Protein backbone atom coordinates (compact mmCIF):
# COMPACT_ATOMS: atom_id res chain seq x y z
CA MET A 1 28.79 65.74 16.43
CA GLN A 2 26.27 64.20 14.11
CA LEU A 3 24.52 62.50 17.03
CA ARG A 4 24.20 65.82 18.84
CA ASN A 5 22.55 67.36 15.81
CA THR A 6 20.25 64.38 15.43
CA ILE A 7 18.93 64.06 18.99
CA ASP A 8 16.93 67.01 20.26
CA PHE A 9 18.02 66.79 23.90
CA ARG A 10 18.48 70.18 25.55
CA PRO A 11 17.42 70.13 29.22
CA LYS A 12 15.98 73.45 30.38
CA LEU A 13 17.92 73.34 33.63
CA PHE A 14 21.26 74.07 31.99
CA SER A 15 19.98 76.95 29.85
CA THR A 16 18.12 78.60 32.74
CA LEU A 17 21.20 78.53 34.99
CA LYS A 18 22.83 81.14 32.76
CA GLY A 19 22.32 84.44 34.54
CA TYR A 20 20.78 82.71 37.55
CA ASN A 21 20.81 84.93 40.67
CA ARG A 22 19.88 84.98 44.34
CA ASP A 23 16.45 86.53 43.73
CA LEU A 24 15.48 83.75 41.31
CA PHE A 25 16.75 81.14 43.73
CA MET A 26 14.65 82.56 46.57
CA ARG A 27 11.53 82.42 44.38
CA ASP A 28 12.30 78.90 43.22
CA ALA A 29 13.11 77.75 46.75
CA MET A 30 9.84 79.16 48.10
CA ALA A 31 7.83 77.58 45.30
CA GLY A 32 9.68 74.29 45.72
CA ILE A 33 8.92 74.18 49.45
CA ILE A 34 5.22 74.81 48.85
CA VAL A 35 5.01 72.24 46.06
CA GLY A 36 6.93 69.75 48.18
CA ILE A 37 4.47 70.16 51.03
CA VAL A 38 1.49 69.92 48.67
CA ALA A 39 3.03 66.83 47.05
CA ILE A 40 3.39 64.92 50.34
CA PRO A 41 -0.21 63.75 50.78
CA LEU A 42 -0.64 63.36 47.01
CA ALA A 43 2.40 61.13 46.65
CA ILE A 44 1.36 59.03 49.64
CA ALA A 45 -2.26 58.81 48.53
CA PHE A 46 -1.37 57.87 44.94
CA GLY A 47 0.99 55.20 46.21
CA ILE A 48 -1.67 53.67 48.44
CA ALA A 49 -4.44 53.92 45.84
CA SER A 50 -2.22 52.28 43.21
CA GLY A 51 -1.84 49.20 45.37
CA VAL A 52 1.77 49.71 46.48
CA GLY A 53 2.20 51.90 49.57
CA PRO A 54 3.11 55.36 50.89
CA THR A 55 6.85 54.74 50.67
CA GLU A 56 6.66 53.90 46.98
CA GLY A 57 4.63 57.04 46.34
CA LEU A 58 7.17 59.28 48.08
CA VAL A 59 10.14 57.52 46.46
CA THR A 60 8.57 58.07 43.04
CA ALA A 61 7.98 61.75 43.74
CA ILE A 62 11.59 62.18 44.93
CA ILE A 63 13.55 60.25 42.28
CA ALA A 64 11.30 60.79 39.27
CA GLY A 65 10.65 64.41 40.25
CA LEU A 66 14.41 65.07 40.46
CA LEU A 67 15.24 63.44 37.13
CA ILE A 68 12.35 65.15 35.32
CA SER A 69 13.46 68.54 36.61
CA VAL A 70 17.11 67.91 35.70
CA PHE A 71 16.62 66.35 32.26
CA GLY A 72 13.18 67.67 31.22
CA GLY A 73 12.35 70.24 28.58
CA SER A 74 10.09 72.50 30.66
CA LYS A 75 11.12 75.23 33.09
CA VAL A 76 8.35 74.60 35.60
CA GLN A 77 7.22 71.00 35.12
CA ILE A 78 6.86 69.04 38.36
CA GLY A 79 7.01 65.28 37.92
CA GLY A 80 5.80 62.46 40.10
CA PRO A 81 2.99 59.94 40.53
CA THR A 82 -0.41 61.09 39.28
CA GLY A 83 -4.00 59.99 39.64
CA ALA A 84 -4.28 59.12 35.95
CA PHE A 85 -2.07 56.06 36.50
CA ILE A 86 -3.90 54.62 39.50
CA VAL A 87 -6.27 52.29 37.65
CA ILE A 88 -3.57 51.13 35.23
CA ILE A 89 -1.02 50.43 37.98
CA TYR A 90 -3.54 48.63 40.15
CA GLY A 91 -4.53 46.36 37.25
CA ILE A 92 -0.91 45.53 36.39
CA ILE A 93 -0.12 44.62 40.00
CA GLN A 94 -3.16 42.37 40.20
CA GLN A 95 -2.19 40.52 37.03
CA TYR A 96 1.62 40.61 36.96
CA GLY A 97 2.70 41.59 40.48
CA LEU A 98 5.16 44.28 41.59
CA GLY A 99 7.91 42.79 39.43
CA GLY A 100 5.71 43.03 36.37
CA LEU A 101 4.90 46.64 37.20
CA ALA A 102 8.60 47.47 37.50
CA ILE A 103 9.45 45.87 34.15
CA ALA A 104 6.46 47.52 32.42
CA THR A 105 7.56 50.89 33.81
CA ILE A 106 11.12 50.41 32.54
CA MET A 107 9.79 49.40 29.12
CA ALA A 108 7.54 52.46 29.08
CA GLY A 109 10.53 54.64 29.94
CA ILE A 110 12.51 53.20 27.03
CA MET A 111 9.56 53.90 24.72
CA LEU A 112 9.39 57.51 25.93
CA ILE A 113 13.11 57.99 25.32
CA ALA A 114 12.71 56.53 21.81
CA MET A 115 9.78 58.88 21.15
CA GLY A 116 11.95 61.83 22.13
CA ILE A 117 14.93 60.64 20.08
CA PHE A 118 12.77 60.23 16.98
CA LYS A 119 11.28 63.69 17.61
CA LEU A 120 7.70 62.56 18.08
CA GLY A 121 7.16 65.10 20.83
CA THR A 122 6.34 67.84 18.35
CA ILE A 123 3.23 65.90 17.25
CA ILE A 124 1.47 66.85 20.48
CA LYS A 125 1.80 70.52 19.49
CA PHE A 126 -0.86 69.89 16.86
CA MET A 127 -3.35 69.14 19.63
CA PRO A 128 -6.38 71.42 19.07
CA TYR A 129 -6.68 74.24 21.59
CA PRO A 130 -10.28 73.37 22.63
CA ILE A 131 -9.03 69.93 23.72
CA ILE A 132 -6.30 71.49 25.87
CA VAL A 133 -8.77 73.93 27.46
CA GLY A 134 -11.30 71.14 28.07
CA PHE A 135 -8.67 68.79 29.44
CA THR A 136 -7.32 71.46 31.80
CA GLY A 137 -10.77 72.47 32.99
CA GLY A 138 -11.69 68.81 33.56
CA ILE A 139 -8.55 68.21 35.62
CA ALA A 140 -9.33 71.35 37.66
CA ILE A 141 -12.84 70.06 38.43
CA THR A 142 -11.41 66.64 39.31
CA ILE A 143 -8.88 68.16 41.70
CA PHE A 144 -11.61 70.30 43.28
CA SER A 145 -13.89 67.29 43.76
CA THR A 146 -11.18 65.24 45.47
CA GLN A 147 -10.76 67.85 48.23
CA MET A 148 -14.33 67.95 49.59
CA ASN A 149 -13.79 65.16 52.13
CA ASP A 150 -10.86 67.00 53.73
CA LEU A 151 -12.35 70.48 53.37
CA PHE A 152 -15.61 69.60 55.13
CA GLY A 153 -14.02 67.07 57.46
CA LEU A 154 -16.56 64.40 56.48
CA GLY A 155 -14.33 61.60 57.74
CA ILE A 156 -15.04 59.26 54.80
CA GLU A 157 -12.40 56.52 54.89
CA GLU A 158 -12.83 55.30 51.29
CA VAL A 159 -14.00 57.93 48.84
CA PRO A 160 -15.18 56.42 45.51
CA ALA A 161 -12.90 57.05 42.55
CA ASN A 162 -15.74 57.73 40.10
CA PHE A 163 -16.74 61.40 39.90
CA ILE A 164 -20.50 60.84 40.16
CA ASP A 165 -20.19 58.21 42.92
CA LYS A 166 -17.84 60.54 44.75
CA TRP A 167 -20.39 63.34 44.92
CA ILE A 168 -23.20 60.94 45.85
CA CYS A 169 -21.01 59.81 48.74
CA TYR A 170 -20.37 63.42 49.78
CA PHE A 171 -24.09 64.26 49.87
CA ARG A 172 -24.87 61.11 51.82
CA ASN A 173 -22.37 62.19 54.48
CA ILE A 174 -23.27 65.89 54.43
CA GLY A 175 -24.57 65.62 57.98
CA ASN A 176 -21.06 64.77 59.23
CA ILE A 177 -19.57 68.18 58.47
CA ASN A 178 -16.78 69.17 60.85
CA TRP A 179 -17.25 72.91 61.15
CA TRP A 180 -13.75 73.39 62.55
CA SER A 181 -12.27 71.73 59.47
CA LEU A 182 -14.43 73.81 57.17
CA GLY A 183 -13.36 76.97 58.99
CA ILE A 184 -9.67 76.05 58.64
CA GLY A 185 -10.12 75.38 54.94
CA LEU A 186 -12.00 78.61 54.27
CA LEU A 187 -9.50 80.65 56.28
CA SER A 188 -6.68 79.06 54.27
CA MET A 189 -8.31 80.14 51.01
CA LEU A 190 -8.87 83.66 52.33
CA ILE A 191 -5.19 83.93 53.32
CA ILE A 192 -4.13 82.75 49.84
CA CYS A 193 -6.44 85.28 48.19
CA TYR A 194 -5.51 88.30 50.28
CA MET A 195 -1.83 87.62 51.06
CA PRO A 196 -0.62 89.38 47.87
CA ARG A 197 -2.16 92.62 49.22
CA LEU A 198 -0.02 92.34 52.35
CA SER A 199 3.18 90.98 50.83
CA LYS A 200 3.98 89.84 47.31
CA LYS A 201 7.19 88.17 48.46
CA ILE A 202 5.55 85.60 50.71
CA PRO A 203 3.36 83.10 48.81
CA GLY A 204 -0.16 82.89 50.16
CA SER A 205 0.01 79.08 50.19
CA LEU A 206 3.03 79.04 52.52
CA ALA A 207 1.47 81.66 54.77
CA ALA A 208 -1.75 79.64 54.96
CA ILE A 209 0.08 76.42 55.84
CA VAL A 210 2.20 78.07 58.56
CA VAL A 211 -0.68 80.04 60.11
CA MET A 212 -3.21 77.20 59.99
CA THR A 213 -0.74 74.63 61.35
CA ALA A 214 0.02 76.94 64.27
CA LEU A 215 -3.69 77.61 64.81
CA CYS A 216 -4.59 73.92 64.81
CA TRP A 217 -1.78 73.20 67.27
CA ALA A 218 -3.07 75.98 69.54
CA LEU A 219 -6.68 74.72 69.32
CA LYS A 220 -5.54 71.24 70.22
CA GLN A 221 -3.30 72.33 73.09
CA PHE A 222 -5.41 75.05 74.71
CA ALA A 223 -8.99 74.41 73.57
CA GLY A 224 -8.99 70.63 73.50
CA ILE A 225 -10.16 70.47 69.88
CA HIS A 226 -8.82 67.26 68.35
CA SER A 227 -11.30 66.79 65.53
CA ILE A 228 -9.25 68.55 62.83
CA GLN A 229 -7.45 65.85 60.86
CA THR A 230 -3.80 66.30 60.01
CA ILE A 231 -1.45 64.48 57.65
CA GLY A 232 -0.12 62.47 60.57
CA ASP A 233 -3.63 61.31 61.49
CA LEU A 234 -4.23 59.79 58.07
CA TYR A 235 -0.80 58.62 56.92
CA GLU A 236 2.08 56.79 58.54
CA LEU A 237 5.07 58.55 57.08
CA PRO A 238 7.95 56.22 56.23
CA SER A 239 11.58 56.93 57.06
CA GLY A 240 14.94 55.93 55.59
CA LEU A 241 16.54 56.04 52.17
CA PRO A 242 15.18 53.74 49.44
CA SER A 243 17.43 50.83 48.50
CA PHE A 244 18.46 49.80 44.98
CA SER A 245 17.18 46.43 43.76
CA PHE A 246 16.52 44.64 40.48
CA PRO A 247 12.93 43.75 39.55
CA THR A 248 12.00 40.09 39.97
CA LEU A 249 10.81 38.32 36.84
CA GLY A 250 8.93 35.40 38.37
CA GLU A 251 8.72 32.04 36.61
CA ALA A 252 8.48 33.42 33.04
CA SER A 253 11.59 34.26 31.01
CA LEU A 254 12.58 37.84 30.27
CA PHE A 255 11.39 37.55 26.65
CA GLU A 256 8.01 36.10 27.70
CA THR A 257 7.59 38.78 30.35
CA VAL A 258 8.42 41.57 27.91
CA GLN A 259 6.02 40.08 25.36
CA GLN A 260 3.20 39.92 27.91
CA LEU A 261 3.83 43.41 29.26
CA LEU A 262 4.31 45.18 25.92
CA PRO A 263 0.66 46.36 25.61
CA VAL A 264 0.48 47.75 29.16
CA ALA A 265 3.93 49.31 28.82
CA PHE A 266 2.75 51.06 25.66
CA THR A 267 -0.34 52.30 27.52
CA ILE A 268 1.85 53.72 30.30
CA ALA A 269 4.16 55.38 27.77
CA MET A 270 1.35 56.96 25.75
CA LEU A 271 -0.53 58.15 28.82
CA GLY A 272 2.68 59.56 30.30
CA ALA A 273 3.56 61.32 27.05
CA ILE A 274 0.11 62.85 26.64
CA GLU A 275 -0.24 63.97 30.24
CA SER A 276 3.29 65.36 30.59
CA LEU A 277 3.30 67.24 27.29
CA LEU A 278 -0.19 68.62 27.82
CA SER A 279 0.88 69.70 31.29
CA ALA A 280 3.91 71.42 29.76
CA MET A 281 1.72 73.09 27.12
CA VAL A 282 -0.69 74.34 29.77
CA ALA A 283 2.26 75.68 31.75
CA ASP A 284 3.59 77.41 28.62
CA GLY A 285 0.31 79.26 28.27
CA VAL A 286 0.58 80.57 31.83
CA ILE A 287 4.27 81.56 31.92
CA GLY A 288 4.58 82.61 28.27
CA ASP A 289 7.39 80.17 27.51
CA ARG A 290 7.91 77.26 25.11
CA HIS A 291 8.99 73.86 26.33
CA ASN A 292 11.05 71.37 24.30
CA SER A 293 8.71 68.43 23.73
CA ASN A 294 11.38 65.96 22.63
CA THR A 295 13.64 66.77 25.57
CA GLU A 296 10.67 66.48 27.91
CA LEU A 297 9.89 62.99 26.61
CA ILE A 298 13.51 61.91 27.05
CA GLY A 299 13.53 63.31 30.58
CA GLN A 300 10.28 61.52 31.40
CA GLY A 301 11.71 58.33 29.92
CA ILE A 302 14.91 58.53 32.00
CA ALA A 303 12.83 58.99 35.15
CA ASN A 304 10.65 55.96 34.41
CA VAL A 305 13.65 53.78 33.57
CA VAL A 306 15.41 54.61 36.86
CA VAL A 307 12.59 54.82 39.42
CA PRO A 308 11.52 51.10 39.33
CA PHE A 309 14.99 50.09 40.60
CA PHE A 310 14.12 51.91 43.86
CA GLY A 311 10.62 50.48 44.17
CA GLY A 312 8.85 53.41 42.52
CA ILE A 313 5.85 53.48 40.19
CA PRO A 314 5.25 55.20 36.81
CA ALA A 315 5.60 58.98 36.87
CA THR A 316 4.75 61.84 34.58
CA GLY A 317 4.29 65.59 34.64
CA ALA A 318 1.70 66.50 37.25
CA ILE A 319 -0.55 69.37 36.23
CA ALA A 320 -1.75 70.22 39.76
CA ARG A 321 1.78 70.40 41.19
CA THR A 322 3.08 72.19 38.10
CA MET A 323 0.38 74.84 38.47
CA ALA A 324 1.10 75.09 42.19
CA ASN A 325 4.73 75.67 41.28
CA ILE A 326 3.83 78.45 38.83
CA ASN A 327 1.31 80.10 41.14
CA ASN A 328 3.86 80.22 43.95
CA GLY A 329 6.62 81.83 41.90
CA GLY A 330 8.58 78.94 40.38
CA HIS A 331 10.64 80.11 37.40
CA THR A 332 13.22 77.39 36.67
CA PRO A 333 13.72 73.63 37.18
CA VAL A 334 15.51 74.50 40.43
CA ALA A 335 12.04 74.76 42.01
CA GLY A 336 11.39 71.13 41.03
CA ILE A 337 14.71 70.08 42.52
CA VAL A 338 13.91 71.91 45.78
CA HIS A 339 10.54 70.15 45.88
CA THR A 340 12.32 66.77 45.78
CA VAL A 341 14.67 67.90 48.55
CA VAL A 342 11.66 68.77 50.70
CA LEU A 343 10.19 65.34 50.07
CA LEU A 344 13.52 63.70 50.90
CA LEU A 345 13.73 65.61 54.19
CA VAL A 346 10.22 64.44 54.96
CA LEU A 347 11.29 60.88 54.28
CA LEU A 348 14.31 61.22 56.57
CA LEU A 349 13.71 63.86 59.23
CA LEU A 350 10.55 65.92 59.24
CA GLY A 351 7.75 63.40 59.44
CA GLY A 352 6.55 64.79 62.78
CA LEU A 353 6.36 68.42 61.65
CA VAL A 354 4.70 67.65 58.35
CA GLY A 355 2.32 65.35 60.14
CA ALA A 356 0.96 68.38 62.03
CA ILE A 357 -0.23 70.16 58.85
CA PRO A 358 -4.06 70.15 58.80
CA MET A 359 -5.66 68.39 55.85
CA PRO A 360 -8.35 71.11 55.43
CA CYS A 361 -5.55 73.63 54.87
CA LEU A 362 -4.02 71.49 52.12
CA ALA A 363 -7.49 71.07 50.66
CA GLY A 364 -7.82 74.86 50.55
CA VAL A 365 -4.45 75.14 48.79
CA LEU A 366 -5.43 72.61 46.15
CA ILE A 367 -8.86 74.17 45.65
CA MET A 368 -7.17 77.50 44.87
CA VAL A 369 -4.82 75.66 42.49
CA SER A 370 -7.82 74.11 40.73
CA TYR A 371 -9.51 77.52 40.49
CA ASN A 372 -6.41 79.13 38.99
CA MET A 373 -5.93 76.37 36.42
CA SER A 374 -9.62 76.02 35.50
CA GLY A 375 -9.40 78.69 32.80
CA TRP A 376 -13.06 79.60 33.25
CA ARG A 377 -12.54 82.95 31.56
CA THR A 378 -11.09 81.21 28.52
CA ILE A 379 -13.99 78.75 28.51
CA ARG A 380 -16.47 81.62 28.71
CA SER A 381 -14.87 83.41 25.77
CA MET A 382 -14.65 80.22 23.70
CA CYS A 383 -18.40 79.68 24.17
CA ARG A 384 -18.86 82.64 21.81
CA GLN A 385 -16.79 80.94 19.09
CA GLU A 386 -17.90 78.43 16.47
CA LYS A 387 -20.15 75.63 17.64
CA SER A 388 -17.60 72.94 16.70
CA ASN A 389 -15.02 74.39 19.13
CA VAL A 390 -17.58 74.49 21.92
CA ILE A 391 -18.60 70.87 21.27
CA VAL A 392 -14.98 69.65 21.37
CA LEU A 393 -14.23 71.69 24.50
CA PHE A 394 -17.15 70.46 26.60
CA THR A 395 -16.91 66.88 25.32
CA THR A 396 -13.27 66.73 26.42
CA LEU A 397 -14.06 68.42 29.74
CA LEU A 398 -16.96 66.10 30.61
CA LEU A 399 -15.10 62.94 29.59
CA THR A 400 -12.08 64.00 31.66
CA VAL A 401 -14.27 64.50 34.70
CA ILE A 402 -16.57 61.49 34.34
CA PHE A 403 -14.11 58.94 32.91
CA ASP A 404 -10.40 59.70 32.54
CA LEU A 405 -8.06 61.79 30.46
CA THR A 406 -7.13 58.97 28.07
CA ILE A 407 -10.70 58.56 26.86
CA ALA A 408 -11.16 62.33 26.86
CA ILE A 409 -8.12 62.94 24.66
CA GLU A 410 -8.97 60.11 22.25
CA VAL A 411 -12.63 61.07 21.82
CA GLY A 412 -11.90 64.80 21.79
CA LEU A 413 -9.21 64.40 19.13
CA VAL A 414 -11.38 62.20 16.92
CA LEU A 415 -14.31 64.61 17.31
CA ALA A 416 -12.07 67.58 16.47
CA ILE A 417 -10.81 65.83 13.32
CA VAL A 418 -14.33 64.89 12.21
CA LEU A 419 -15.63 68.42 12.73
CA PHE A 420 -12.58 69.85 10.98
CA MET A 421 -13.16 67.59 7.99
CA LYS A 422 -16.83 68.60 7.97
CA ARG A 423 -15.87 72.27 7.84
CA ILE A 424 -13.42 71.65 4.98
CA MET A 425 -16.07 69.74 3.04
CA GLU A 426 -18.57 72.54 3.60
CA ASN A 427 -16.08 75.12 2.35
CA THR A 428 -14.87 73.09 -0.63
CA HIS A 429 -16.92 73.45 -3.80
CA ILE A 430 -16.94 71.70 -7.17
CA SER A 431 -18.33 73.69 -10.09
CA VAL A 432 -19.10 72.54 -13.63
CA LEU A 433 -18.68 75.37 -16.17
CA HIS A 434 -19.71 75.69 -19.84
CA LYS A 435 -19.25 78.37 -22.49
CA GLU A 436 -17.57 80.98 -20.22
CA MET A 437 -15.59 81.17 -17.00
CA GLU A 438 -14.09 83.90 -14.86
CA VAL A 439 -10.36 83.97 -14.10
CA HIS A 440 -9.38 86.01 -11.05
CA HIS A 441 -6.03 87.81 -10.98
CA ASP A 442 -4.52 89.23 -7.78
CA GLY A 443 -4.51 93.01 -7.98
CA GLU A 444 -5.84 93.02 -11.55
CA HIS A 445 -9.19 93.00 -13.27
CA ASP A 446 -11.01 89.69 -13.57
CA GLU A 447 -10.85 88.03 -16.96
CA ARG A 448 -13.56 86.11 -18.77
CA LEU A 449 -12.46 83.15 -20.88
CA THR A 450 -14.49 81.45 -23.54
CA ILE A 451 -14.66 77.69 -23.06
CA PRO A 452 -14.12 75.93 -26.41
CA ALA A 453 -16.79 73.78 -27.99
CA HIS A 454 -17.09 70.17 -26.86
CA THR A 455 -15.49 71.21 -23.53
CA GLU A 456 -16.60 71.45 -19.90
CA VAL A 457 -14.57 72.60 -16.88
CA TYR A 458 -14.70 70.97 -13.45
CA GLU A 459 -13.32 73.49 -10.93
CA ILE A 460 -12.29 72.11 -7.52
CA ASP A 461 -12.08 74.81 -4.86
CA GLY A 462 -10.25 73.23 -1.92
CA PRO A 463 -8.22 70.15 -0.89
CA PHE A 464 -8.92 66.97 -2.88
CA PHE A 465 -9.26 64.49 0.02
CA PHE A 466 -11.56 61.52 0.60
CA GLY A 467 -14.83 63.38 1.22
CA ILE A 468 -14.50 65.72 -1.76
CA ALA A 469 -13.08 62.97 -3.97
CA THR A 470 -16.26 60.94 -3.56
CA LYS A 471 -18.39 64.01 -4.21
CA PHE A 472 -16.39 64.74 -7.39
CA GLU A 473 -16.75 61.16 -8.63
CA GLU A 474 -20.53 61.20 -8.09
CA LEU A 475 -20.89 64.55 -9.86
CA ALA A 476 -18.84 63.40 -12.87
CA ARG A 477 -20.73 60.10 -13.12
CA MET A 478 -24.17 61.78 -13.10
CA ARG A 479 -23.44 63.96 -16.13
CA ASP A 480 -23.57 63.36 -19.88
CA ALA A 481 -20.05 64.64 -20.25
CA LYS A 482 -18.58 66.37 -23.28
CA PRO A 483 -15.60 64.93 -25.17
CA ILE A 484 -13.11 67.26 -23.49
CA ARG A 485 -13.06 67.54 -19.69
CA ILE A 486 -10.81 70.09 -17.98
CA VAL A 487 -10.24 69.54 -14.25
CA ARG A 488 -9.10 72.87 -12.81
CA MET A 489 -7.02 72.20 -9.67
CA ARG A 490 -5.43 75.57 -8.93
CA LYS A 491 -6.94 75.65 -5.41
CA VAL A 492 -6.16 72.01 -4.63
CA SER A 493 -3.48 72.37 -1.97
CA PHE A 494 -3.08 68.62 -1.44
CA ILE A 495 -4.50 65.33 -2.62
CA ASP A 496 -4.78 62.16 -0.53
CA ALA A 497 -4.88 58.46 -1.49
CA THR A 498 -8.66 58.48 -2.00
CA GLY A 499 -8.40 61.56 -4.19
CA LEU A 500 -5.71 59.89 -6.29
CA HIS A 501 -7.78 56.72 -6.61
CA ASN A 502 -10.95 58.56 -7.64
CA LEU A 503 -9.05 60.79 -10.06
CA GLU A 504 -7.57 57.69 -11.70
CA ILE A 505 -11.05 56.14 -11.99
CA PHE A 506 -12.34 59.41 -13.48
CA VAL A 507 -9.57 59.49 -16.11
CA THR A 508 -9.94 55.79 -16.97
CA ALA A 509 -13.74 55.99 -17.27
CA SER A 510 -13.44 59.11 -19.47
CA GLN A 511 -10.96 57.41 -21.77
CA GLN A 512 -13.26 54.41 -22.11
CA GLN A 513 -15.96 56.84 -23.30
CA LYS A 514 -13.49 58.41 -25.78
CA GLN A 515 -13.25 61.57 -23.66
CA GLN A 516 -10.00 63.47 -23.10
CA VAL A 517 -9.11 64.75 -19.61
CA ILE A 518 -6.93 67.84 -19.12
CA LEU A 519 -5.57 68.71 -15.67
CA SER A 520 -5.09 72.45 -15.14
CA GLY A 521 -3.37 74.54 -12.44
CA VAL A 522 -1.58 71.58 -10.85
CA ASN A 523 0.91 72.82 -8.25
CA GLU A 524 4.28 71.19 -7.76
CA GLN A 525 3.33 69.11 -4.69
CA VAL A 526 0.14 67.75 -6.26
CA TYR A 527 2.00 67.09 -9.53
CA GLN A 528 4.53 64.92 -7.68
CA GLU A 529 1.71 62.94 -6.07
CA ILE A 530 -0.18 62.27 -9.32
CA GLU A 531 3.09 61.46 -11.09
CA ARG A 532 3.99 58.85 -8.49
CA ALA A 533 0.49 57.40 -8.84
CA GLY A 534 0.94 57.08 -12.63
CA ILE A 535 -1.87 59.52 -13.43
CA VAL A 536 0.41 61.88 -15.38
CA ASP A 537 1.33 59.12 -17.83
CA LEU A 538 -2.28 57.95 -17.94
CA VAL A 539 -3.56 61.41 -18.91
CA GLY A 540 -0.53 62.27 -21.02
CA ARG A 541 2.09 64.76 -19.94
CA GLU A 542 0.95 67.19 -22.64
CA ASN A 543 -2.44 67.27 -20.89
CA VAL A 544 -1.15 68.18 -17.40
CA LEU A 545 -0.71 71.97 -17.38
CA ASP A 546 0.06 74.59 -14.76
CA HIS A 547 -2.33 77.34 -15.94
CA ILE A 548 -5.90 77.59 -17.20
CA HIS A 549 -4.84 79.57 -20.30
CA LYS A 550 -2.67 76.67 -21.41
CA ALA A 551 -5.48 74.24 -20.65
CA ILE A 552 -7.96 76.27 -22.71
CA LYS A 553 -5.45 76.43 -25.59
CA ARG A 554 -4.97 72.65 -25.40
CA ALA A 555 -8.77 72.18 -25.34
CA GLU A 556 -9.09 74.37 -28.45
CA GLU A 557 -6.61 72.16 -30.28
CA LEU A 558 -8.56 69.03 -29.32
CA SER A 559 -11.88 70.74 -30.14
CA ASN A 560 -10.64 71.74 -33.60
CA ALA A 561 -9.49 68.17 -34.16
CA ILE A 562 -12.98 66.94 -33.26
CA LYS A 563 -14.53 69.46 -35.67
CA GLU A 564 -12.22 68.37 -38.48
CA GLN A 565 -13.00 64.73 -37.81
CA LYS A 566 -16.75 65.41 -37.91
CA ALA A 567 -16.35 67.37 -41.15
CA LYS A 568 -14.48 64.51 -42.79
CA SER A 569 -17.16 62.10 -41.61
CA LYS A 570 -19.85 64.22 -43.32
CA GLU A 571 -17.87 64.34 -46.57
CA ILE A 572 -17.60 60.57 -46.55
């Protein structure tokens, strides 16, 4: 019972099955079929590009996709191999072989499960919104750019992975446009756009695939047009069920292998966590739901632990397929399960039929997916917001497109933090007051207090963190301070380690100059921090007060003592 309360593992599949009906199943089944068809060339292509093969790509999409849908924390997440892993997987295979890849994937899966168990999934919810918008827009542009070869029928066998090199390659081959392919692709997009006007029950993507496949078959049979590439022309679809096998370790021991693979396994785990949870967050924004981050991480971890035993590669939530699922009516994880069934049927039975689907049609489907997920209206509206949000958004977007999402997230997050700190520093003020000060009361008239003789008040308006702490120290050091120094901290919501250190230096330096420090308006949380740091005892508990009136009264007592001492000195 205690374990159940501790681990946040509540798969969405089981909660969504309550009240499940035939209408929902038909929507999920239709979406699952479309996503399954869209996933076929992607799974095969990712498998080949990663250095394994088409079978491994399909096996990953089937097994990992099934487990992520069953055990994940999102209603509409579609899992499988993704382009973000290609470079990482290829490098691992080159250095450690297929066995090393399998072990690294299992280790990454265990890490993901641990992250979910220790409830680290909620951390991703603090990801700034401009980063999510930029990341999503960058992925949309990347998806769009990968479809130009198939849309225009350029016939490029090896398209460069780099975004800029990719477009240079496209323009160099612009003279090889296959106008039949372009026509098929454009017609597919028109069908997707206008199908809702004819029927809202039939997804435009499915209608486009059926109509364009039939049209291409007719053009080939009756018009002798064979230049439109199909899935079967580009890929040799495997057949047969995957077999279970243990990864081979090679000459090194298990401990040595784990030690060597720990860094790359951590990279896989972190990339998988970021991509899957951001995909789930993007999906939440579209469907108006909230995923369970910790459950999603556990589900992703289970998938990555299991799939290597069947020859698969690392998997995560796939934004393109997830958006395709949403746009085609997917409502529950059943759609993800149906998508894996479609892929399994392809693996076993339907290679010939799927092989007849024209690649330009699939390109049109994915271009519409990229358009729908681009969020260009959101980007346009955010351009009217503060400059810092715009900078973070477009930095993340450009880095996602030009480099990869890992760099984009890291740089975007650091930039967002730096700009956030800059805004806090700009809005945090330190004032030095003499003689009089205003005290503001909520709902009442402001009050003016007389500051006692020999006293000055340092008022900190904002959090006392590293940037402000340094500013406070410099301001205090530059002044010929009076014997009594009140530090008013009523608006200090928190204090960090640098703030504590500088406050301690301030108190110590004041005491060395025979000056008394009084801390005023200290809230409970800040009081606990300065007490743990020993500052309360250093100042004296009688000099740490919760209100400015008490601080002024204490300053008056000290000021009167100074006056008496000076009077006695004159008498002597």
